[in-house]
PDB file of N, CA and C in Angstrom:
ATOM      1  N   MET A   1      15.248 -12.564  14.775  1.00  0.00           N
ATOM      2  CA  MET A   1      14.566 -11.927  13.869  1.00  0.00           C
ATOM      3  C   MET A   1      13.167 -11.620  14.179  1.00  0.00           C
ATOM      4  N   LEU A   2      12.518 -12.998  14.434  1.00  0.00           N
ATOM      5  CA  LEU A   2      11.578 -13.242  14.756  1.00  0.00           C
ATOM      6  C   LEU A   2      11.070 -12.516  15.955  1.00  0.00           C
ATOM      7  N   ASP A   3      11.897 -12.595  16.854  1.00  0.00           N
ATOM      8  CA  ASP A   3      11.586 -11.951  18.244  1.00  0.00           C
ATOM      9  C   ASP A   3      11.529 -10.533  17.850  1.00  0.00           C
ATOM     10  N   ASP A   4      12.643 -10.227  17.262  1.00  0.00           N
ATOM     11  CA  ASP A   4      12.663  -8.301  16.602  1.00  0.00           C
ATOM     12  C   ASP A   4      11.301  -8.353  16.283  1.00  0.00           C
ATOM     13  N   LEU A   5      10.822  -8.689  15.408  1.00  0.00           N
ATOM     14  CA  LEU A   5       9.648  -8.615  14.776  1.00  0.00           C
ATOM     15  C   LEU A   5       8.292  -8.372  15.489  1.00  0.00           C
ATOM     16  N   LYS A   6       8.324  -9.454  16.753  1.00  0.00           N
ATOM     17  CA  LYS A   6       7.042  -9.567  17.701  1.00  0.00           C
ATOM     18  C   LYS A   6       7.034  -8.389  18.738  1.00  0.00           C
ATOM     19  N   ASN A   7       8.291  -7.899  18.940  1.00  0.00           N
ATOM     20  CA  ASN A   7       8.560  -6.774  19.861  1.00  0.00           C
ATOM     21  C   ASN A   7       8.136  -5.401  19.035  1.00  0.00           C
ATOM     22  N   ILE A   8       8.673  -5.456  18.025  1.00  0.00           N
ATOM     23  CA  ILE A   8       8.124  -4.281  16.938  1.00  0.00           C
ATOM     24  C   ILE A   8       6.743  -4.196  17.214  1.00  0.00           C
ATOM     25  N   MET A   9       6.404  -5.399  16.702  1.00  0.00           N
ATOM     26  CA  MET A   9       4.440  -5.243  16.562  1.00  0.00           C
ATOM     27  C   MET A   9       3.997  -4.885  18.191  1.00  0.00           C
ATOM     28  N   SER A  10       4.280  -5.623  19.080  1.00  0.00           N
ATOM     29  CA  SER A  10       4.069  -5.266  20.228  1.00  0.00           C
ATOM     30  C   SER A  10       4.087  -3.620  20.469  1.00  0.00           C
ATOM     31  N   LYS A  11       5.055  -3.260  20.363  1.00  0.00           N
ATOM     32  CA  LYS A  11       5.208  -1.580  20.513  1.00  0.00           C
ATOM     33  C   LYS A  11       4.365  -1.016  19.790  1.00  0.00           C
ATOM     34  N   GLU A  12       3.582  -1.373  18.626  1.00  0.00           N
ATOM     35  CA  GLU A  12       2.867  -1.062  17.806  1.00  0.00           C
ATOM     36  C   GLU A  12       1.719  -0.653  18.222  1.00  0.00           C
ATOM     37  N   GLY A  13       1.243  -2.091  19.293  1.00  0.00           N
ATOM     38  CA  GLY A  13      -0.060  -2.138  19.618  1.00  0.00           C
ATOM     39  C   GLY A  13      -0.701  -3.468  19.214  1.00  0.00           C
ATOM     40  N   ILE A  14       0.216  -4.252  18.742  1.00  0.00           N
ATOM     41  CA  ILE A  14      -0.351  -5.659  18.340  1.00  0.00           C
ATOM     42  C   ILE A  14      -0.324  -6.970  19.764  1.00  0.00           C
ATOM     43  N   ASP A  15      -1.695  -7.259  19.799  1.00  0.00           N
ATOM     44  CA  ASP A  15      -1.771  -8.204  20.767  1.00  0.00           C
ATOM     45  C   ASP A  15      -1.572  -9.663  20.612  1.00  0.00           C
ATOM     46  N   VAL A  16      -1.745  -9.804  19.153  1.00  0.00           N
ATOM     47  CA  VAL A  16      -1.321 -11.225  18.875  1.00  0.00           C
ATOM     48  C   VAL A  16      -0.729 -11.373  17.991  1.00  0.00           C
ATOM     49  N   PHE A  17       0.527 -12.086  18.189  1.00  0.00           N
ATOM     50  CA  PHE A  17       1.533 -12.405  17.015  1.00  0.00           C
ATOM     51  C   PHE A  17       1.585 -13.624  16.815  1.00  0.00           C
ATOM     52  N   GLY A  18       1.691 -14.417  15.595  1.00  0.00           N
ATOM     53  CA  GLY A  18       1.975 -15.970  15.473  1.00  0.00           C
ATOM     54  C   GLY A  18       2.441 -16.386  13.846  1.00  0.00           C
ATOM     55  N   THR A  19       3.019 -17.517  14.062  1.00  0.00           N
ATOM     56  CA  THR A  19       3.520 -17.851  12.414  1.00  0.00           C
ATOM     57  C   THR A  19       2.832 -18.982  12.442  1.00  0.00           C
ATOM     58  N   SER A  20       2.549 -19.291  10.830  1.00  0.00           N
ATOM     59  CA  SER A  20       2.470 -20.591  10.714  1.00  0.00           C
ATOM     60  C   SER A  20       2.996 -21.253   9.587  1.00  0.00           C
ATOM     61  N   ASP A  21       3.224 -22.631   9.181  1.00  0.00           N
ATOM     62  CA  ASP A  21       3.516 -23.223   7.888  1.00  0.00           C
ATOM     63  C   ASP A  21       2.696 -23.517   7.198  1.00  0.00           C
ATOM     64  N   VAL A  22       2.701 -22.683   6.100  1.00  0.00           N
ATOM     65  CA  VAL A  22       1.843 -22.865   5.168  1.00  0.00           C
ATOM     66  C   VAL A  22       2.191 -22.886   3.446  1.00  0.00           C
ATOM     67  N   SER A  23       3.469 -24.156   3.814  1.00  0.00           N
ATOM     68  CA  SER A  23       4.174 -24.271   2.444  1.00  0.00           C
ATOM     69  C   SER A  23       2.845 -25.406   1.511  1.00  0.00           C
ATOM     70  N   GLY A  24       2.259 -26.094   2.490  1.00  0.00           N
ATOM     71  CA  GLY A  24       1.391 -26.943   1.607  1.00  0.00           C
ATOM     72  C   GLY A  24       0.150 -26.321   0.894  1.00  0.00           C
ATOM     73  N   TYR A  25       0.107 -24.840   1.137  1.00  0.00           N
ATOM     74  CA  TYR A  25      -1.308 -24.356   0.871  1.00  0.00           C
ATOM     75  C   TYR A  25      -0.909 -23.324  -0.324  1.00  0.00           C
ATOM     76  N   VAL A  26      -1.918 -22.941  -1.275  1.00  0.00           N
ATOM     77  CA  VAL A  26      -1.604 -21.947  -2.250  1.00  0.00           C
ATOM     78  C   VAL A  26      -2.977 -20.703  -1.520  1.00  0.00           C
ATOM     79  N   ILE A  27      -1.996 -19.466  -1.461  1.00  0.00           N
ATOM     80  CA  ILE A  27      -2.849 -18.142  -0.969  1.00  0.00           C
ATOM     81  C   ILE A  27      -3.028 -17.638  -2.229  1.00  0.00           C
ATOM     82  N   GLY A  28      -3.861 -17.756  -2.784  1.00  0.00           N
ATOM     83  CA  GLY A  28      -4.377 -16.580  -3.924  1.00  0.00           C
ATOM     84  C   GLY A  28      -3.060 -16.705  -4.773  1.00  0.00           C
ATOM     85  N   ARG A  29      -2.559 -15.434  -5.466  1.00  0.00           N
ATOM     86  CA  ARG A  29      -1.306 -16.275  -6.250  1.00  0.00           C
ATOM     87  C   ARG A  29       0.361 -16.256  -5.612  1.00  0.00           C
ATOM     88  N   PHE A  30       0.138 -16.356  -4.374  1.00  0.00           N
ATOM     89  CA  PHE A  30       1.585 -16.347  -3.698  1.00  0.00           C
ATOM     90  C   PHE A  30       1.439 -18.070  -3.520  1.00  0.00           C
ATOM     91  N   LYS A  31       2.000 -18.824  -4.513  1.00  0.00           N
ATOM     92  CA  LYS A  31       2.289 -20.112  -4.516  1.00  0.00           C
ATOM     93  C   LYS A  31       3.394 -20.521  -3.632  1.00  0.00           C
ATOM     94  N   LYS A  32       4.240 -19.208  -3.405  1.00  0.00           N
ATOM     95  CA  LYS A  32       5.845 -19.600  -3.043  1.00  0.00           C
ATOM     96  C   LYS A  32       5.969 -19.134  -1.872  1.00  0.00           C
ATOM     97  N   THR A  33       4.836 -19.146  -1.133  1.00  0.00           N
ATOM     98  CA  THR A  33       4.719 -18.552   0.407  1.00  0.00           C
ATOM     99  C   THR A  33       4.854 -19.700   1.386  1.00  0.00           C
ATOM    100  N   PRO A  34       5.920 -19.734   1.878  1.00  0.00           N
ATOM    101  CA  PRO A  34       6.158 -20.850   2.850  1.00  0.00           C
ATOM    102  C   PRO A  34       5.886 -20.611   4.196  1.00  0.00           C
ATOM    103  N   PHE A  35       5.918 -19.373   4.763  1.00  0.00           N
ATOM    104  CA  PHE A  35       5.148 -18.746   5.710  1.00  0.00           C
ATOM    105  C   PHE A  35       4.286 -18.023   5.675  1.00  0.00           C
ATOM    106  N   ALA A  36       3.304 -18.038   7.130  1.00  0.00           N
ATOM    107  CA  ALA A  36       2.462 -16.800   7.051  1.00  0.00           C
ATOM    108  C   ALA A  36       2.674 -16.139   8.534  1.00  0.00           C
ATOM    109  N   ILE A  37       2.456 -14.837   8.803  1.00  0.00           N
ATOM    110  CA  ILE A  37       2.372 -14.320  10.065  1.00  0.00           C
ATOM    111  C   ILE A  37       0.915 -13.681  10.251  1.00  0.00           C
ATOM    112  N   THR A  38       0.590 -13.963  11.556  1.00  0.00           N
ATOM    113  CA  THR A  38      -0.839 -13.583  11.852  1.00  0.00           C
ATOM    114  C   THR A  38      -0.793 -12.721  12.992  1.00  0.00           C
ATOM    115  N   ILE A  39      -1.505 -11.260  12.931  1.00  0.00           N
ATOM    116  CA  ILE A  39      -1.514 -10.393  13.710  1.00  0.00           C
ATOM    117  C   ILE A  39      -2.832 -10.041  14.297  1.00  0.00           C
ATOM    118  N   GLY A  40      -2.872  -9.515  15.107  1.00  0.00           N
ATOM    119  CA  GLY A  40      -4.335  -9.143  15.881  1.00  0.00           C
ATOM    120  C   GLY A  40      -4.361  -7.930  17.135  1.00  0.00           C
ATOM    121  N   ALA A  41      -5.316  -7.348  16.892  1.00  0.00           N
ATOM    122  CA  ALA A  41      -5.663  -6.501  18.134  1.00  0.00           C
ATOM    123  C   ALA A  41      -6.935  -6.878  19.082  1.00  0.00           C
ATOM    124  N   VAL A  42      -6.900  -6.262  19.995  1.00  0.00           N
ATOM    125  CA  VAL A  42      -8.029  -6.501  20.737  1.00  0.00           C
ATOM    126  C   VAL A  42      -8.999  -5.432  20.538  1.00  0.00           C
ATOM    127  N   LEU A  43     -10.270  -5.839  20.565  1.00  0.00           N
ATOM    128  CA  LEU A  43     -11.569  -4.610  20.216  1.00  0.00           C
ATOM    129  C   LEU A  43     -11.928  -4.171  21.335  1.00  0.00           C
ATOM    130  N   SER A  44     -12.751  -2.829  21.104  1.00  0.00           N
ATOM    131  CA  SER A  44     -13.090  -2.344  22.212  1.00  0.00           C
ATOM    132  C   SER A  44     -14.545  -3.392  22.800  1.00  0.00           C
ATOM    133  N   ARG A  45     -14.338  -3.797  24.311  1.00  0.00           N
ATOM    134  CA  ARG A  45     -15.531  -4.613  24.926  1.00  0.00           C
ATOM    135  C   ARG A  45     -16.614  -3.766  24.478  1.00  0.00           C
ATOM    136  N   ALA A  46     -16.749  -2.591  24.874  1.00  0.00           N
ATOM    137  CA  ALA A  46     -18.019  -1.691  24.877  1.00  0.00           C
ATOM    138  C   ALA A  46     -18.701  -1.805  23.617  1.00  0.00           C
ATOM    139  N   VAL A  47     -17.874  -1.439  22.571  1.00  0.00           N
ATOM    140  CA  VAL A  47     -18.263  -1.495  21.021  1.00  0.00           C
ATOM    141  C   VAL A  47     -19.079  -2.457  20.919  1.00  0.00           C
ATOM    142  N   LEU A  48     -18.174  -3.717  21.272  1.00  0.00           N
ATOM    143  CA  LEU A  48     -18.765  -4.780  20.835  1.00  0.00           C
ATOM    144  C   LEU A  48     -20.377  -5.399  21.449  1.00  0.00           C
ATOM    145  N   GLU A  49     -20.088  -4.927  22.874  1.00  0.00           N
ATOM    146  CA  GLU A  49     -21.438  -5.160  23.832  1.00  0.00           C
ATOM    147  C   GLU A  49     -22.569  -4.627  23.199  1.00  0.00           C
ATOM    148  N   ALA A  50     -22.395  -3.595  22.536  1.00  0.00           N
ATOM    149  CA  ALA A  50     -23.814  -2.752  22.191  1.00  0.00           C
ATOM    150  C   ALA A  50     -24.086  -3.124  20.824  1.00  0.00           C
ATOM    151  N   VAL A  51     -23.547  -4.259  20.340  1.00  0.00           N
ATOM    152  CA  VAL A  51     -24.155  -4.801  18.980  1.00  0.00           C
ATOM    153  C   VAL A  51     -24.997  -5.604  19.060  1.00  0.00           C
ATOM    154  N   PHE A  52     -25.412  -5.698  20.159  1.00  0.00           N
ATOM    155  CA  PHE A  52     -26.534  -7.291  20.245  1.00  0.00           C
ATOM    156  C   PHE A  52     -28.070  -6.884  19.513  1.00  0.00           C
ATOM    157  N   GLY A  53     -28.223  -5.849  19.229  1.00  0.00           N
ATOM    158  CA  GLY A  53     -29.225  -5.693  18.104  1.00  0.00           C
ATOM    159  C   GLY A  53     -29.110  -5.205  16.836  1.00  0.00           C
ATOM    160  N   GLY A  54     -27.725  -5.899  16.535  1.00  0.00           N
ATOM    161  CA  GLY A  54     -27.110  -5.404  14.862  1.00  0.00           C
ATOM    162  C   GLY A  54     -25.880  -4.472  15.253  1.00  0.00           C
ATOM    163  N   PRO A  55     -25.334  -4.209  13.980  1.00  0.00           N
ATOM    164  CA  PRO A  55     -24.350  -3.351  14.211  1.00  0.00           C
ATOM    165  C   PRO A  55     -24.947  -2.035  14.245  1.00  0.00           C
ATOM    166  N   THR A  56     -23.966  -1.237  14.696  1.00  0.00           N
ATOM    167  CA  THR A  56     -23.930   0.296  15.220  1.00  0.00           C
ATOM    168  C   THR A  56     -23.106   1.164  14.462  1.00  0.00           C
ATOM    169  N   LYS A  57     -23.490   2.731  14.164  1.00  0.00           N
ATOM    170  CA  LYS A  57     -22.401   3.247  13.512  1.00  0.00           C
ATOM    171  C   LYS A  57     -21.033   3.281  14.481  1.00  0.00           C
ATOM    172  N   ASN A  58     -21.267   3.372  15.704  1.00  0.00           N
ATOM    173  CA  ASN A  58     -19.782   3.256  16.423  1.00  0.00           C
ATOM    174  C   ASN A  58     -19.018   1.964  16.131  1.00  0.00           C
ATOM    175  N   TYR A  59     -19.964   0.709  15.800  1.00  0.00           N
ATOM    176  CA  TYR A  59     -19.264  -0.510  15.637  1.00  0.00           C
ATOM    177  C   TYR A  59     -18.625  -0.150  14.273  1.00  0.00           C
ATOM    178  N   PHE A  60     -19.370   0.194  13.179  1.00  0.00           N
ATOM    179  CA  PHE A  60     -18.975   0.163  11.985  1.00  0.00           C
ATOM    180  C   PHE A  60     -17.477   1.196  11.859  1.00  0.00           C
ATOM    181  N   HIS A  61     -17.593   2.325  12.867  1.00  0.00           N
ATOM    182  CA  HIS A  61     -16.035   2.833  13.069  1.00  0.00           C
ATOM    183  C   HIS A  61     -15.009   2.474  13.265  1.00  0.00           C
ATOM    184  N   HIS A  62     -15.801   1.787  14.556  1.00  0.00           N
ATOM    185  CA  HIS A  62     -14.346   0.806  15.229  1.00  0.00           C
ATOM    186  C   HIS A  62     -13.673  -0.203  14.385  1.00  0.00           C
ATOM    187  N   TYR A  63     -14.496  -0.913  13.568  1.00  0.00           N
ATOM    188  CA  TYR A  63     -14.317  -1.840  12.666  1.00  0.00           C
ATOM    189  C   TYR A  63     -13.254  -1.230  11.431  1.00  0.00           C
ATOM    190  N   ARG A  64     -13.618  -0.211  10.869  1.00  0.00           N
ATOM    191  CA  ARG A  64     -12.770   0.462   9.968  1.00  0.00           C
ATOM    192  C   ARG A  64     -11.601   0.623  10.538  1.00  0.00           C
ATOM    193  N   THR A  65     -11.674   1.202  11.545  1.00  0.00           N
ATOM    194  CA  THR A  65     -10.019   1.942  12.355  1.00  0.00           C
ATOM    195  C   THR A  65      -9.634   0.709  12.763  1.00  0.00           C
ATOM    196  N   ALA A  66      -9.931  -0.504  13.119  1.00  0.00           N
ATOM    197  CA  ALA A  66      -8.978  -1.407  13.868  1.00  0.00           C
ATOM    198  C   ALA A  66      -8.698  -2.008  12.497  1.00  0.00           C
ATOM    199  N   ASN A  67      -8.973  -2.405  11.185  1.00  0.00           N
ATOM    200  CA  ASN A  67      -8.943  -2.605   9.887  1.00  0.00           C
ATOM    201  C   ASN A  67      -7.576  -1.896   9.477  1.00  0.00           C
ATOM    202  N   ALA A  68      -7.704  -0.483   9.652  1.00  0.00           N
ATOM    203  CA  ALA A  68      -6.874   0.389   8.965  1.00  0.00           C
ATOM    204  C   ALA A  68      -5.527   0.150   9.816  1.00  0.00           C
ATOM    205  N   PHE A  69      -5.889   0.014  11.243  1.00  0.00           N
ATOM    206  CA  PHE A  69      -4.451  -0.175  12.037  1.00  0.00           C
ATOM    207  C   PHE A  69      -3.891  -1.699  11.675  1.00  0.00           C
ATOM    208  N   LEU A  70      -4.704  -2.630  11.994  1.00  0.00           N
ATOM    209  CA  LEU A  70      -4.034  -4.202  11.140  1.00  0.00           C
ATOM    210  C   LEU A  70      -3.153  -3.460  10.003  1.00  0.00           C
ATOM    211  N   ASP A  71      -3.646  -3.090   8.674  1.00  0.00           N
ATOM    212  CA  ASP A  71      -3.147  -2.992   7.499  1.00  0.00           C
ATOM    213  C   ASP A  71      -1.743  -2.265   7.815  1.00  0.00           C
ATOM    214  N   MET A  72      -1.786  -1.064   8.288  1.00  0.00           N
ATOM    215  CA  MET A  72      -0.523  -0.212   8.831  1.00  0.00           C
ATOM    216  C   MET A  72       0.367  -1.137   9.306  1.00  0.00           C
ATOM    217  N   CYS A  73      -0.032  -2.184  10.364  1.00  0.00           N
ATOM    218  CA  CYS A  73       0.889  -2.883  11.123  1.00  0.00           C
ATOM    219  C   CYS A  73       1.434  -3.961  10.039  1.00  0.00           C
ATOM    220  N   ALA A  74       0.527  -4.576   9.211  1.00  0.00           N
ATOM    221  CA  ALA A  74       0.870  -5.487   8.381  1.00  0.00           C
ATOM    222  C   ALA A  74       2.028  -5.256   7.374  1.00  0.00           C
ATOM    223  N   PHE A  75       1.781  -3.632   6.903  1.00  0.00           N
ATOM    224  CA  PHE A  75       2.420  -2.930   5.852  1.00  0.00           C
ATOM    225  C   PHE A  75       4.296  -2.813   6.612  1.00  0.00           C
ATOM    226  N   LYS A  76       4.267  -2.608   7.986  1.00  0.00           N
ATOM    227  CA  LYS A  76       5.315  -2.524   8.845  1.00  0.00           C
ATOM    228  C   LYS A  76       6.138  -3.882   8.963  1.00  0.00           C
ATOM    229  N   CYS A  77       5.216  -4.881   9.005  1.00  0.00           N
ATOM    230  CA  CYS A  77       5.819  -6.334   8.872  1.00  0.00           C
ATOM    231  C   CYS A  77       6.374  -6.568   7.780  1.00  0.00           C
ATOM    232  N   VAL A  78       5.811  -6.099   6.578  1.00  0.00           N
ATOM    233  CA  VAL A  78       6.327  -6.622   5.342  1.00  0.00           C
ATOM    234  C   VAL A  78       7.766  -5.579   4.943  1.00  0.00           C
ATOM    235  N   THR A  79       7.736  -4.455   5.460  1.00  0.00           N
ATOM    236  CA  THR A  79       8.988  -3.815   5.072  1.00  0.00           C
ATOM    237  C   THR A  79      10.254  -4.014   5.831  1.00  0.00           C
ATOM    238  N   TYR A  80       9.967  -4.493   6.829  1.00  0.00           N
ATOM    239  CA  TYR A  80      10.903  -5.325   7.866  1.00  0.00           C
ATOM    240  C   TYR A  80      11.634  -6.555   7.329  1.00  0.00           C
ATOM    241  N   LEU A  81      10.593  -7.279   6.661  1.00  0.00           N
ATOM    242  CA  LEU A  81      10.999  -8.511   6.194  1.00  0.00           C
ATOM    243  C   LEU A  81      11.847  -8.148   5.118  1.00  0.00           C
ATOM    244  N   GLN A  82      11.181  -7.045   4.354  1.00  0.00           N
ATOM    245  CA  GLN A  82      12.193  -6.852   2.904  1.00  0.00           C
ATOM    246  C   GLN A  82      13.322  -6.446   3.143  1.00  0.00           C
ATOM    247  N   ARG A  83      13.220  -5.517   4.174  1.00  0.00           N
ATOM    248  CA  ARG A  83      14.884  -5.213   4.584  1.00  0.00           C
ATOM    249  C   ARG A  83      15.860  -5.968   4.961  1.00  0.00           C
ATOM    250  N   LYS A  84      15.303  -6.899   5.444  1.00  0.00           N
ATOM    251  CA  LYS A  84      16.216  -8.080   5.773  1.00  0.00           C
ATOM    252  C   LYS A  84      16.391  -9.072   4.627  1.00  0.00           C
ATOM    253  N   GLY A  85      15.773  -8.946   3.475  1.00  0.00           N
ATOM    254  CA  GLY A  85      16.222  -9.785   2.203  1.00  0.00           C
ATOM    255  C   GLY A  85      14.954 -10.735   2.195  1.00  0.00           C
ATOM    256  N   TYR A  86      13.954 -10.868   2.520  1.00  0.00           N
ATOM    257  CA  TYR A  86      13.016 -11.660   2.488  1.00  0.00           C
ATOM    258  C   TYR A  86      11.697 -11.132   1.178  1.00  0.00           C
ATOM    259  N   ASP A  87      11.191 -12.100   0.992  1.00  0.00           N
ATOM    260  CA  ASP A  87       9.726 -11.704  -0.065  1.00  0.00           C
ATOM    261  C   ASP A  87       8.954 -11.468   0.982  1.00  0.00           C
ATOM    262  N   ALA A  88       7.910 -10.581   0.666  1.00  0.00           N
ATOM    263  CA  ALA A  88       7.119 -10.776   1.839  1.00  0.00           C
ATOM    264  C   ALA A  88       6.046  -9.884   1.081  1.00  0.00           C
ATOM    265  N   VAL A  89       4.446 -10.235   1.559  1.00  0.00           N
ATOM    266  CA  VAL A  89       3.516  -9.460   1.066  1.00  0.00           C
ATOM    267  C   VAL A  89       2.413  -9.249   1.991  1.00  0.00           C
ATOM    268  N   ALA A  90       1.777  -8.495   1.991  1.00  0.00           N
ATOM    269  CA  ALA A  90       0.581  -8.339   3.101  1.00  0.00           C
ATOM    270  C   ALA A  90      -0.650  -8.257   2.607  1.00  0.00           C
ATOM    271  N   ILE A  91      -2.088  -9.256   3.194  1.00  0.00           N
ATOM    272  CA  ILE A  91      -3.200  -9.358   2.833  1.00  0.00           C
ATOM    273  C   ILE A  91      -3.844  -8.584   3.574  1.00  0.00           C
ATOM    274  N   PRO A  92      -4.935  -7.624   2.904  1.00  0.00           N
ATOM    275  CA  PRO A  92      -5.625  -6.450   3.713  1.00  0.00           C
ATOM    276  C   PRO A  92      -6.306  -7.343   4.502  1.00  0.00           C
ATOM    277  N   ALA A  93      -6.867  -6.430   5.558  1.00  0.00           N
ATOM    278  CA  ALA A  93      -7.563  -6.992   6.901  1.00  0.00           C
ATOM    279  C   ALA A  93      -8.822  -7.014   6.395  1.00  0.00           C
TER     280      ALA A  93
END
């Protein structure tokens, strides 16, 4: 099942996908959360290289767009897991 979810996320454009055992940690109000899934996407090198003198308007747009993309992918992870019978919650980017 985890491989299926990883493949789904890869098709969505996610570049980094990993899992962690967080059973010994309290994440906000989610005390019964034994595992975490981490996702990530590569950002535009050109946008990041232009930030040397401070954040630009293009950077802020790129940042908001990337976070919206990650939030959408996290939502898809949660719905997939819930359809498989698991409790899941997404933490916003």
